[in-house]
PDB file of N, CA and C in Angstrom:
ATOM      1  N   MET A   1    -162.803 144.550 -12.684  1.00  0.00           N
ATOM      2  CA  MET A   1    -162.947 145.540 -11.489  1.00  0.00           C
ATOM      3  C   MET A   1    -162.231 146.108 -11.011  1.00  0.00           C
ATOM      4  N   VAL A   2    -162.572 144.708  -9.939  1.00  0.00           N
ATOM      5  CA  VAL A   2    -160.989 144.809  -8.907  1.00  0.00           C
ATOM      6  C   VAL A   2    -159.328 144.778  -8.810  1.00  0.00           C
ATOM      7  N   ARG A   3    -159.584 143.649  -9.864  1.00  0.00           N
ATOM      8  CA  ARG A   3    -157.760 144.094 -10.602  1.00  0.00           C
ATOM      9  C   ARG A   3    -157.940 145.929 -11.375  1.00  0.00           C
ATOM     10  N   LEU A   4    -158.811 146.184 -11.848  1.00  0.00           N
ATOM     11  CA  LEU A   4    -157.664 147.238 -12.327  1.00  0.00           C
ATOM     12  C   LEU A   4    -157.772 148.512 -11.232  1.00  0.00           C
ATOM     13  N   VAL A   5    -158.519 148.051  -9.947  1.00  0.00           N
ATOM     14  CA  VAL A   5    -158.376 149.066  -9.082  1.00  0.00           C
ATOM     15  C   VAL A   5    -156.925 149.116  -8.341  1.00  0.00           C
ATOM     16  N   PHE A   6    -156.791 147.889  -8.421  1.00  0.00           N
ATOM     17  CA  PHE A   6    -155.748 147.661  -7.319  1.00  0.00           C
ATOM     18  C   PHE A   6    -154.288 147.925  -8.239  1.00  0.00           C
ATOM     19  N   ARG A   7    -154.546 147.514  -9.844  1.00  0.00           N
ATOM     20  CA  ARG A   7    -153.022 148.432 -10.950  1.00  0.00           C
ATOM     21  C   ARG A   7    -153.499 149.753 -10.959  1.00  0.00           C
ATOM     22  N   LYS A   8    -154.281 150.772 -10.473  1.00  0.00           N
ATOM     23  CA  LYS A   8    -154.000 151.249 -10.246  1.00  0.00           C
ATOM     24  C   LYS A   8    -154.054 151.745  -9.200  1.00  0.00           C
ATOM     25  N   ILE A   9    -153.989 151.679  -7.833  1.00  0.00           N
ATOM     26  CA  ILE A   9    -153.570 151.974  -6.507  1.00  0.00           C
ATOM     27  C   ILE A   9    -151.883 152.211  -6.527  1.00  0.00           C
ATOM     28  N   GLY A  10    -151.775 150.500  -6.857  1.00  0.00           N
ATOM     29  CA  GLY A  10    -149.808 150.395  -7.596  1.00  0.00           C
ATOM     30  C   GLY A  10    -148.794 151.411  -8.247  1.00  0.00           C
ATOM     31  N   THR A  11    -149.273 152.399  -9.190  1.00  0.00           N
ATOM     32  CA  THR A  11    -149.305 152.182 -10.101  1.00  0.00           C
ATOM     33  C   THR A  11    -149.346 154.373  -9.362  1.00  0.00           C
ATOM     34  N   ILE A  12    -150.112 155.063  -8.406  1.00  0.00           N
ATOM     35  CA  ILE A  12    -150.335 155.863  -8.057  1.00  0.00           C
ATOM     36  C   ILE A  12    -149.626 155.875  -6.358  1.00  0.00           C
ATOM     37  N   GLY A  13    -148.844 154.825  -6.455  1.00  0.00           N
ATOM     38  CA  GLY A  13    -148.260 154.386  -4.902  1.00  0.00           C
ATOM     39  C   GLY A  13    -146.507 154.676  -5.440  1.00  0.00           C
ATOM     40  N   ALA A  14    -146.437 154.284  -6.306  1.00  0.00           N
ATOM     41  CA  ALA A  14    -145.590 153.817  -7.148  1.00  0.00           C
ATOM     42  C   ALA A  14    -144.762 154.825  -7.605  1.00  0.00           C
ATOM     43  N   ALA A  15    -145.517 155.464  -8.257  1.00  0.00           N
ATOM     44  CA  ALA A  15    -145.857 157.440  -8.308  1.00  0.00           C
ATOM     45  C   ALA A  15    -145.231 157.966  -6.958  1.00  0.00           C
ATOM     46  N   LEU A  16    -145.744 158.438  -5.940  1.00  0.00           N
ATOM     47  CA  LEU A  16    -145.458 158.966  -4.646  1.00  0.00           C
ATOM     48  C   LEU A  16    -144.550 158.141  -4.322  1.00  0.00           C
ATOM     49  N   ALA A  17    -144.452 157.318  -4.016  1.00  0.00           N
ATOM     50  CA  ALA A  17    -142.748 157.077  -3.174  1.00  0.00           C
ATOM     51  C   ALA A  17    -141.643 157.467  -4.524  1.00  0.00           C
ATOM     52  N   ALA A  18    -141.534 157.553  -5.596  1.00  0.00           N
ATOM     53  CA  ALA A  18    -141.179 157.921  -6.417  1.00  0.00           C
ATOM     54  C   ALA A  18    -140.267 159.129  -6.249  1.00  0.00           C
ATOM     55  N   ILE A  19    -141.653 160.484  -5.705  1.00  0.00           N
ATOM     56  CA  ILE A  19    -141.737 161.735  -6.074  1.00  0.00           C
ATOM     57  C   ILE A  19    -141.224 162.052  -3.835  1.00  0.00           C
ATOM     58  N   PHE A  20    -141.323 160.921  -3.557  1.00  0.00           N
ATOM     59  CA  PHE A  20    -140.912 161.261  -1.668  1.00  0.00           C
ATOM     60  C   PHE A  20    -139.287 160.936  -1.968  1.00  0.00           C
ATOM     61  N   LEU A  21    -138.780 159.936  -3.045  1.00  0.00           N
ATOM     62  CA  LEU A  21    -137.824 159.362  -3.352  1.00  0.00           C
ATOM     63  C   LEU A  21    -136.622 161.027  -3.553  1.00  0.00           C
ATOM     64  N   ALA A  22    -136.853 161.520  -4.261  1.00  0.00           N
ATOM     65  CA  ALA A  22    -136.484 161.763  -5.389  1.00  0.00           C
ATOM     66  C   ALA A  22    -136.316 162.902  -4.221  1.00  0.00           C
ATOM     67  N   ALA A  23    -137.522 163.734  -3.375  1.00  0.00           N
ATOM     68  CA  ALA A  23    -137.849 164.353  -2.721  1.00  0.00           C
ATOM     69  C   ALA A  23    -136.491 164.951  -1.179  1.00  0.00           C
ATOM     70  N   ALA A  24    -135.952 163.052  -1.071  1.00  0.00           N
ATOM     71  CA  ALA A  24    -135.346 163.322   0.438  1.00  0.00           C
ATOM     72  C   ALA A  24    -133.925 163.187  -0.469  1.00  0.00           C
ATOM     73  N   ALA A  25    -134.155 162.518  -1.407  1.00  0.00           N
ATOM     74  CA  ALA A  25    -132.115 162.820  -1.828  1.00  0.00           C
ATOM     75  C   ALA A  25    -132.311 164.314  -2.786  1.00  0.00           C
ATOM     76  N   ALA A  26    -132.738 164.837  -2.444  1.00  0.00           N
ATOM     77  CA  ALA A  26    -132.685 165.999  -3.050  1.00  0.00           C
ATOM     78  C   ALA A  26    -132.443 167.226  -2.030  1.00  0.00           C
ATOM     79  N   THR A  27    -132.776 166.966  -0.241  1.00  0.00           N
ATOM     80  CA  THR A  27    -132.163 167.696   1.009  1.00  0.00           C
ATOM     81  C   THR A  27    -131.360 167.083   1.559  1.00  0.00           C
ATOM     82  N   ALA A  28    -131.322 166.065   1.092  1.00  0.00           N
ATOM     83  CA  ALA A  28    -130.105 164.836   2.335  1.00  0.00           C
ATOM     84  C   ALA A  28    -128.486 166.914   2.006  1.00  0.00           C
ATOM     85  N   GLN A  29    -127.771 165.985   3.418  1.00  0.00           N
ATOM     86  CA  GLN A  29    -126.384 167.018   3.168  1.00  0.00           C
ATOM     87  C   GLN A  29    -125.669 166.027   3.676  1.00  0.00           C
ATOM     88  N   GLU A  30    -125.336 165.767   5.160  1.00  0.00           N
ATOM     89  CA  GLU A  30    -124.751 165.483   5.921  1.00  0.00           C
ATOM     90  C   GLU A  30    -124.641 164.252   5.830  1.00  0.00           C
ATOM     91  N   THR A  31    -123.430 163.293   6.121  1.00  0.00           N
ATOM     92  CA  THR A  31    -123.859 162.084   6.122  1.00  0.00           C
ATOM     93  C   THR A  31    -123.397 161.334   8.015  1.00  0.00           C
ATOM     94  N   THR A  32    -123.727 160.312   8.178  1.00  0.00           N
ATOM     95  CA  THR A  32    -123.235 159.968   9.543  1.00  0.00           C
ATOM     96  C   THR A  32    -122.328 158.945   9.807  1.00  0.00           C
ATOM     97  N   GLY A  33    -122.118 158.066  11.237  1.00  0.00           N
ATOM     98  CA  GLY A  33    -121.022 157.306  10.058  1.00  0.00           C
ATOM     99  C   GLY A  33    -120.975 156.444   9.394  1.00  0.00           C
ATOM    100  N   SER A  34    -122.575 156.131   9.246  1.00  0.00           N
ATOM    101  CA  SER A  34    -122.413 154.995   8.059  1.00  0.00           C
ATOM    102  C   SER A  34    -122.568 155.079   6.566  1.00  0.00           C
ATOM    103  N   GLY A  35    -122.428 156.492   6.731  1.00  0.00           N
ATOM    104  CA  GLY A  35    -122.271 157.013   5.201  1.00  0.00           C
ATOM    105  C   GLY A  35    -123.872 157.578   4.678  1.00  0.00           C
ATOM    106  N   ILE A  36    -124.395 157.150   5.723  1.00  0.00           N
ATOM    107  CA  ILE A  36    -125.817 157.474   4.961  1.00  0.00           C
ATOM    108  C   ILE A  36    -126.652 159.418   5.676  1.00  0.00           C
ATOM    109  N   PRO A  37    -127.165 160.002   4.863  1.00  0.00           N
ATOM    110  CA  PRO A  37    -126.801 161.658   5.602  1.00  0.00           C
ATOM    111  C   PRO A  37    -127.976 162.078   6.283  1.00  0.00           C
ATOM    112  N   SER A  38    -127.493 162.775   7.307  1.00  0.00           N
ATOM    113  CA  SER A  38    -128.527 162.204   8.627  1.00  0.00           C
ATOM    114  C   SER A  38    -129.748 163.001   8.264  1.00  0.00           C
ATOM    115  N   ASP A  39    -129.620 164.012   7.336  1.00  0.00           N
ATOM    116  CA  ASP A  39    -131.197 164.348   7.574  1.00  0.00           C
ATOM    117  C   ASP A  39    -132.206 163.383   5.988  1.00  0.00           C
ATOM    118  N   LEU A  40    -131.842 162.736   5.447  1.00  0.00           N
ATOM    119  CA  LEU A  40    -132.053 161.757   4.608  1.00  0.00           C
ATOM    120  C   LEU A  40    -132.960 160.632   6.128  1.00  0.00           C
ATOM    121  N   LEU A  41    -131.959 160.721   6.930  1.00  0.00           N
ATOM    122  CA  LEU A  41    -132.406 160.085   7.750  1.00  0.00           C
ATOM    123  C   LEU A  41    -134.420 160.464   8.440  1.00  0.00           C
ATOM    124  N   SER A  42    -133.852 161.139   8.865  1.00  0.00           N
ATOM    125  CA  SER A  42    -134.854 162.105   8.811  1.00  0.00           C
ATOM    126  C   SER A  42    -136.179 162.235   8.487  1.00  0.00           C
ATOM    127  N   THR A  43    -135.681 162.189   7.521  1.00  0.00           N
ATOM    128  CA  THR A  43    -137.483 162.570   6.416  1.00  0.00           C
ATOM    129  C   THR A  43    -137.430 160.807   5.643  1.00  0.00           C
ATOM    130  N   TYR A  44    -136.807 160.175   5.708  1.00  0.00           N
ATOM    131  CA  TYR A  44    -137.514 158.243   5.871  1.00  0.00           C
ATOM    132  C   TYR A  44    -138.196 158.420   6.951  1.00  0.00           C
ATOM    133  N   ARG A  45    -137.540 158.915   8.041  1.00  0.00           N
ATOM    134  CA  ARG A  45    -138.502 158.390   9.457  1.00  0.00           C
ATOM    135  C   ARG A  45    -140.003 159.532   9.193  1.00  0.00           C
ATOM    136  N   THR A  46    -139.698 161.290   9.268  1.00  0.00           N
ATOM    137  CA  THR A  46    -140.901 161.503   8.698  1.00  0.00           C
ATOM    138  C   THR A  46    -141.640 160.585   7.444  1.00  0.00           C
ATOM    139  N   ILE A  47    -141.616 161.023   6.892  1.00  0.00           N
ATOM    140  CA  ILE A  47    -142.293 159.982   5.256  1.00  0.00           C
ATOM    141  C   ILE A  47    -142.522 158.493   6.041  1.00  0.00           C
ATOM    142  N   GLY A  48    -142.808 157.631   6.625  1.00  0.00           N
ATOM    143  CA  GLY A  48    -143.132 155.895   7.565  1.00  0.00           C
ATOM    144  C   GLY A  48    -143.471 157.093   8.128  1.00  0.00           C
ATOM    145  N   LEU A  49    -144.142 157.940   8.939  1.00  0.00           N
ATOM    146  CA  LEU A  49    -144.367 157.800  10.155  1.00  0.00           C
ATOM    147  C   LEU A  49    -145.750 158.110   9.347  1.00  0.00           C
ATOM    148  N   GLY A  50    -145.312 158.655   7.763  1.00  0.00           N
ATOM    149  CA  GLY A  50    -146.827 160.206   7.881  1.00  0.00           C
ATOM    150  C   GLY A  50    -147.561 158.130   6.876  1.00  0.00           C
ATOM    151  N   ALA A  51    -146.663 157.895   6.313  1.00  0.00           N
ATOM    152  CA  ALA A  51    -147.610 156.304   5.536  1.00  0.00           C
ATOM    153  C   ALA A  51    -148.305 156.003   6.214  1.00  0.00           C
ATOM    154  N   ALA A  52    -147.940 155.158   7.281  1.00  0.00           N
ATOM    155  CA  ALA A  52    -148.334 154.977   8.602  1.00  0.00           C
ATOM    156  C   ALA A  52    -149.325 155.965   9.410  1.00  0.00           C
ATOM    157  N   ALA A  53    -149.508 156.886   9.641  1.00  0.00           N
ATOM    158  CA  ALA A  53    -150.777 156.901   9.426  1.00  0.00           C
ATOM    159  C   ALA A  53    -152.031 157.575   8.774  1.00  0.00           C
ATOM    160  N   ALA A  54    -151.135 157.598   7.274  1.00  0.00           N
ATOM    161  CA  ALA A  54    -152.384 157.245   7.074  1.00  0.00           C
ATOM    162  C   ALA A  54    -152.986 155.786   6.702  1.00  0.00           C
ATOM    163  N   PHE A  55    -151.865 155.024   7.064  1.00  0.00           N
ATOM    164  CA  PHE A  55    -152.589 153.175   6.580  1.00  0.00           C
ATOM    165  C   PHE A  55    -153.542 152.874   7.704  1.00  0.00           C
ATOM    166  N   ALA A  56    -153.388 153.824   9.110  1.00  0.00           N
ATOM    167  CA  ALA A  56    -154.276 153.409  10.249  1.00  0.00           C
ATOM    168  C   ALA A  56    -155.771 154.159  10.189  1.00  0.00           C
ATOM    169  N   ILE A  57    -155.527 155.514   9.736  1.00  0.00           N
ATOM    170  CA  ILE A  57    -157.141 156.014   8.504  1.00  0.00           C
ATOM    171  C   ILE A  57    -157.302 156.116   8.551  1.00  0.00           C
ATOM    172  N   ALA A  58    -156.816 154.974   7.149  1.00  0.00           N
ATOM    173  CA  ALA A  58    -157.671 154.584   6.109  1.00  0.00           C
ATOM    174  C   ALA A  58    -158.148 153.058   5.937  1.00  0.00           C
ATOM    175  N   ALA A  59    -157.095 152.478   6.458  1.00  0.00           N
ATOM    176  CA  ALA A  59    -157.826 150.502   7.795  1.00  0.00           C
ATOM    177  C   ALA A  59    -158.706 150.820   8.659  1.00  0.00           C
ATOM    178  N   THR A  60    -158.449 151.749   9.567  1.00  0.00           N
ATOM    179  CA  THR A  60    -159.919 151.667  10.183  1.00  0.00           C
ATOM    180  C   THR A  60    -161.389 152.230   9.272  1.00  0.00           C
ATOM    181  N   VAL A  61    -161.105 153.727   9.120  1.00  0.00           N
ATOM    182  CA  VAL A  61    -162.074 153.376   8.531  1.00  0.00           C
ATOM    183  C   VAL A  61    -162.849 153.599   6.872  1.00  0.00           C
ATOM    184  N   ILE A  62    -162.747 152.289   6.626  1.00  0.00           N
ATOM    185  CA  ILE A  62    -163.098 151.293   5.516  1.00  0.00           C
ATOM    186  C   ILE A  62    -163.397 150.184   6.663  1.00  0.00           C
ATOM    187  N   GLY A  63    -162.832 150.165   7.212  1.00  0.00           N
ATOM    188  CA  GLY A  63    -163.431 148.809   8.676  1.00  0.00           C
ATOM    189  C   GLY A  63    -164.879 149.674   9.111  1.00  0.00           C
ATOM    190  N   ALA A  64    -164.392 150.213   9.312  1.00  0.00           N
ATOM    191  CA  ALA A  64    -165.582 151.086   9.984  1.00  0.00           C
ATOM    192  C   ALA A  64    -167.155 151.247   9.117  1.00  0.00           C
ATOM    193  N   ALA A  65    -166.753 151.721   7.634  1.00  0.00           N
ATOM    194  CA  ALA A  65    -167.664 151.478   6.985  1.00  0.00           C
ATOM    195  C   ALA A  65    -168.541 150.269   6.199  1.00  0.00           C
ATOM    196  N   TRP A  66    -167.793 149.654   6.824  1.00  0.00           N
ATOM    197  CA  TRP A  66    -168.240 148.206   5.605  1.00  0.00           C
ATOM    198  C   TRP A  66    -168.869 147.873   7.582  1.00  0.00           C
ATOM    199  N   ALA A  67    -168.998 148.087   8.623  1.00  0.00           N
ATOM    200  CA  ALA A  67    -169.447 147.318  10.071  1.00  0.00           C
ATOM    201  C   ALA A  67    -170.437 148.448   9.689  1.00  0.00           C
ATOM    202  N   VAL A  68    -170.787 149.707   9.791  1.00  0.00           N
ATOM    203  CA  VAL A  68    -171.812 150.223   9.962  1.00  0.00           C
ATOM    204  C   VAL A  68    -172.985 149.710   8.475  1.00  0.00           C
ATOM    205  N   GLY A  69    -171.784 149.285   7.512  1.00  0.00           N
ATOM    206  CA  GLY A  69    -173.600 149.455   6.433  1.00  0.00           C
ATOM    207  C   GLY A  69    -173.895 148.074   6.829  1.00  0.00           C
ATOM    208  N   ARG A  70    -173.209 147.056   6.947  1.00  0.00           N
ATOM    209  CA  ARG A  70    -173.110 145.610   7.400  1.00  0.00           C
ATOM    210  C   ARG A  70    -174.256 146.020   8.419  1.00  0.00           C
ATOM    211  N   ILE A  71    -174.437 146.849   9.765  1.00  0.00           N
ATOM    212  CA  ILE A  71    -175.225 146.910  11.262  1.00  0.00           C
ATOM    213  C   ILE A  71    -176.530 147.494  10.402  1.00  0.00           C
ATOM    214  N   GLY A  72    -175.508 148.376  10.340  1.00  0.00           N
ATOM    215  CA  GLY A  72    -177.041 149.877  10.372  1.00  0.00           C
ATOM    216  C   GLY A  72    -178.237 149.295   9.006  1.00  0.00           C
ATOM    217  N   SER A  73    -177.598 148.003   8.387  1.00  0.00           N
ATOM    218  CA  SER A  73    -178.798 147.956   6.984  1.00  0.00           C
ATOM    219  C   SER A  73    -179.523 146.443   8.188  1.00  0.00           C
ATOM    220  N   ALA A  74    -179.009 145.998   8.975  1.00  0.00           N
ATOM    221  CA  ALA A  74    -179.109 144.848   9.650  1.00  0.00           C
ATOM    222  C   ALA A  74    -179.770 145.443  11.069  1.00  0.00           C
ATOM    223  N   ALA A  75    -179.760 146.177  11.111  1.00  0.00           N
ATOM    224  CA  ALA A  75    -180.749 146.482  12.689  1.00  0.00           C
ATOM    225  C   ALA A  75    -182.032 147.421  11.371  1.00  0.00           C
ATOM    226  N   LEU A  76    -181.842 147.987  11.447  1.00  0.00           N
ATOM    227  CA  LEU A  76    -183.361 149.181  10.230  1.00  0.00           C
ATOM    228  C   LEU A  76    -184.165 148.123  10.124  1.00  0.00           C
ATOM    229  N   GLY A  77    -183.882 146.095   9.479  1.00  0.00           N
ATOM    230  CA  GLY A  77    -184.601 145.181   9.023  1.00  0.00           C
ATOM    231  C   GLY A  77    -185.047 144.626  10.272  1.00  0.00           C
ATOM    232  N   ALA A  78    -184.359 144.686  11.299  1.00  0.00           N
ATOM    233  CA  ALA A  78    -184.744 144.378  12.655  1.00  0.00           C
ATOM    234  C   ALA A  78    -185.542 145.028  13.516  1.00  0.00           C
ATOM    235  N   ALA A  79    -186.449 146.020  13.731  1.00  0.00           N
ATOM    236  CA  ALA A  79    -186.123 147.593  13.570  1.00  0.00           C
ATOM    237  C   ALA A  79    -187.496 146.885  12.821  1.00  0.00           C
ATOM    238  N   ALA A  80    -187.594 147.450  11.456  1.00  0.00           N
ATOM    239  CA  ALA A  80    -188.712 147.190  11.208  1.00  0.00           C
ATOM    240  C   ALA A  80    -190.060 146.462  11.437  1.00  0.00           C
ATOM    241  N   GLU A  81    -189.410 145.202  11.815  1.00  0.00           N
ATOM    242  CA  GLU A  81    -190.017 143.970  12.276  1.00  0.00           C
ATOM    243  C   GLU A  81    -190.416 144.337  13.809  1.00  0.00           C
ATOM    244  N   LYS A  82    -189.826 144.214  14.885  1.00  0.00           N
ATOM    245  CA  LYS A  82    -189.268 144.934  16.363  1.00  0.00           C
ATOM    246  C   LYS A  82    -188.961 145.979  16.361  1.00  0.00           C
ATOM    247  N   PRO A  83    -189.964 147.480  17.444  1.00  0.00           N
ATOM    248  CA  PRO A  83    -189.406 149.187  16.974  1.00  0.00           C
ATOM    249  C   PRO A  83    -188.418 148.748  18.649  1.00  0.00           C
ATOM    250  N   GLU A  84    -189.036 148.370  19.145  1.00  0.00           N
ATOM    251  CA  GLU A  84    -188.223 147.941  20.974  1.00  0.00           C
ATOM    252  C   GLU A  84    -186.475 147.802  19.681  1.00  0.00           C
ATOM    253  N   LEU A  85    -186.037 147.203  18.889  1.00  0.00           N
ATOM    254  CA  LEU A  85    -185.332 146.757  19.179  1.00  0.00           C
ATOM    255  C   LEU A  85    -183.750 147.726  18.567  1.00  0.00           C
ATOM    256  N   LEU A  86    -185.004 148.981  17.416  1.00  0.00           N
ATOM    257  CA  LEU A  86    -184.286 150.014  17.261  1.00  0.00           C
ATOM    258  C   LEU A  86    -182.897 150.665  18.441  1.00  0.00           C
ATOM    259  N   THR A  87    -183.621 151.047  19.827  1.00  0.00           N
ATOM    260  CA  THR A  87    -182.233 151.790  20.765  1.00  0.00           C
ATOM    261  C   THR A  87    -181.145 151.015  21.022  1.00  0.00           C
ATOM    262  N   ARG A  88    -181.555 149.495  20.637  1.00  0.00           N
ATOM    263  CA  ARG A  88    -179.919 148.424  21.122  1.00  0.00           C
ATOM    264  C   ARG A  88    -179.330 148.241  19.717  1.00  0.00           C
ATOM    265  N   SER A  89    -179.706 148.237  18.742  1.00  0.00           N
ATOM    266  CA  SER A  89    -179.184 148.098  17.205  1.00  0.00           C
ATOM    267  C   SER A  89    -178.110 150.093  17.301  1.00  0.00           C
ATOM    268  N   ILE A  90    -179.005 150.736  17.304  1.00  0.00           N
ATOM    269  CA  ILE A  90    -178.272 151.725  17.132  1.00  0.00           C
ATOM    270  C   ILE A  90    -177.247 151.524  18.013  1.00  0.00           C
ATOM    271  N   LEU A  91    -176.806 151.164  19.350  1.00  0.00           N
ATOM    272  CA  LEU A  91    -175.930 150.988  20.621  1.00  0.00           C
ATOM    273  C   LEU A  91    -175.093 149.543  19.535  1.00  0.00           C
ATOM    274  N   PHE A  92    -175.160 149.602  18.738  1.00  0.00           N
ATOM    275  CA  PHE A  92    -174.618 148.771  18.274  1.00  0.00           C
ATOM    276  C   PHE A  92    -174.018 149.230  16.835  1.00  0.00           C
ATOM    277  N   VAL A  93    -173.868 149.824  16.516  1.00  0.00           N
ATOM    278  CA  VAL A  93    -173.582 151.147  15.309  1.00  0.00           C
ATOM    279  C   VAL A  93    -172.893 151.833  15.242  1.00  0.00           C
ATOM    280  N   ALA A  94    -172.828 152.431  16.433  1.00  0.00           N
ATOM    281  CA  ALA A  94    -172.092 153.356  17.202  1.00  0.00           C
ATOM    282  C   ALA A  94    -170.723 152.865  17.817  1.00  0.00           C
ATOM    283  N   LEU A  95    -170.887 151.068  18.306  1.00  0.00           N
ATOM    284  CA  LEU A  95    -170.131 150.943  18.950  1.00  0.00           C
ATOM    285  C   LEU A  95    -168.332 150.321  17.467  1.00  0.00           C
ATOM    286  N   ALA A  96    -169.622 150.750  16.044  1.00  0.00           N
ATOM    287  CA  ALA A  96    -168.937 150.028  14.634  1.00  0.00           C
ATOM    288  C   ALA A  96    -168.496 151.854  14.500  1.00  0.00           C
ATOM    289  N   GLU A  97    -169.154 152.631  14.903  1.00  0.00           N
ATOM    290  CA  GLU A  97    -168.787 153.953  13.957  1.00  0.00           C
ATOM    291  C   GLU A  97    -167.013 154.311  15.332  1.00  0.00           C
ATOM    292  N   GLY A  98    -167.015 153.517  16.368  1.00  0.00           N
ATOM    293  CA  GLY A  98    -165.839 153.452  17.743  1.00  0.00           C
ATOM    294  C   GLY A  98    -164.822 153.952  17.151  1.00  0.00           C
ATOM    295  N   LEU A  99    -164.675 152.642  15.900  1.00  0.00           N
ATOM    296  CA  LEU A  99    -163.656 152.255  15.859  1.00  0.00           C
ATOM    297  C   LEU A  99    -162.810 152.734  14.533  1.00  0.00           C
ATOM    298  N   ALA A 100    -163.020 154.292  13.923  1.00  0.00           N
ATOM    299  CA  ALA A 100    -162.611 155.334  12.940  1.00  0.00           C
ATOM    300  C   ALA A 100    -162.307 155.825  14.193  1.00  0.00           C
ATOM    301  N   VAL A 101    -163.148 156.139  14.632  1.00  0.00           N
ATOM    302  CA  VAL A 101    -162.344 157.725  16.345  1.00  0.00           C
ATOM    303  C   VAL A 101    -161.299 156.832  16.780  1.00  0.00           C
ATOM    304  N   LEU A 102    -161.020 155.615  17.102  1.00  0.00           N
ATOM    305  CA  LEU A 102    -159.414 155.171  18.074  1.00  0.00           C
ATOM    306  C   LEU A 102    -158.722 155.234  16.479  1.00  0.00           C
ATOM    307  N   GLY A 103    -159.208 154.699  15.259  1.00  0.00           N
ATOM    308  CA  GLY A 103    -157.899 155.207  13.662  1.00  0.00           C
ATOM    309  C   GLY A 103    -157.723 156.580  14.122  1.00  0.00           C
ATOM    310  N   PHE A 104    -158.628 157.392  13.769  1.00  0.00           N
ATOM    311  CA  PHE A 104    -158.288 159.222  14.278  1.00  0.00           C
ATOM    312  C   PHE A 104    -157.222 159.423  15.546  1.00  0.00           C
ATOM    313  N   ALA A 105    -157.360 158.395  16.435  1.00  0.00           N
ATOM    314  CA  ALA A 105    -156.749 159.060  17.305  1.00  0.00           C
ATOM    315  C   ALA A 105    -155.080 158.288  17.240  1.00  0.00           C
ATOM    316  N   ILE A 106    -154.770 157.439  16.928  1.00  0.00           N
ATOM    317  CA  ILE A 106    -153.546 156.407  16.523  1.00  0.00           C
ATOM    318  C   ILE A 106    -153.391 157.334  15.394  1.00  0.00           C
ATOM    319  N   ALA A 107    -153.748 157.873  14.689  1.00  0.00           N
ATOM    320  CA  ALA A 107    -153.620 158.861  13.348  1.00  0.00           C
ATOM    321  C   ALA A 107    -152.248 160.322  14.240  1.00  0.00           C
ATOM    322  N   MET A 108    -153.282 160.710  14.998  1.00  0.00           N
ATOM    323  CA  MET A 108    -152.955 161.694  15.293  1.00  0.00           C
ATOM    324  C   MET A 108    -151.504 161.385  16.566  1.00  0.00           C
ATOM    325  N   MET A 109    -151.566 160.965  17.079  1.00  0.00           N
ATOM    326  CA  MET A 109    -150.516 160.274  18.051  1.00  0.00           C
ATOM    327  C   MET A 109    -149.064 159.871  16.617  1.00  0.00           C
ATOM    328  N   LEU A 110    -148.963 159.449  15.817  1.00  0.00           N
ATOM    329  CA  LEU A 110    -148.012 159.196  14.977  1.00  0.00           C
ATOM    330  C   LEU A 110    -148.438 160.501  14.567  1.00  0.00           C
ATOM    331  N   ILE A 111    -147.903 161.641  13.493  1.00  0.00           N
ATOM    332  CA  ILE A 111    -148.034 162.790  13.478  1.00  0.00           C
ATOM    333  C   ILE A 111    -147.396 163.553  13.927  1.00  0.00           C
ATOM    334  N   GLN A 112    -148.646 163.515  15.960  1.00  0.00           N
ATOM    335  CA  GLN A 112    -147.641 163.591  16.998  1.00  0.00           C
ATOM    336  C   GLN A 112    -145.734 163.242  16.594  1.00  0.00           C
ATOM    337  N   LYS A 113    -145.272 162.831  16.438  1.00  0.00           N
ATOM    338  CA  LYS A 113    -144.291 162.417  16.465  1.00  0.00           C
ATOM    339  C   LYS A 113    -143.307 162.568  15.523  1.00  0.00           C
ATOM    340  N   MET A 114    -143.790 163.404  14.836  1.00  0.00           N
ATOM    341  CA  MET A 114    -142.769 163.991  14.122  1.00  0.00           C
ATOM    342  C   MET A 114    -141.870 164.712  13.624  1.00  0.00           C
TER     343      MET A 114
END
């Protein structure tokens, strides 16, 4: 099952890369001293920043979701036995959610550089 998911992700990633490269080649006009079109370099930079922002938000949201799932289930289990632990355990869940907020902030900073 996991291999099938990774194969589909790889296929989708290859198709998106081909589309981005075709769009970059279509927009290329001027060349720099190195023979590479300057418009193509800015297009690659924009694509790279967009991919970095997407990876930043995806990694942090997946990590936060995993952490909230693990911590939340343990917190509710502990609160079922000792109700006075509920407040303290909600704090740990909020710390895990903060990871997603930080990833979102990093992604926004990367998008602003485009």
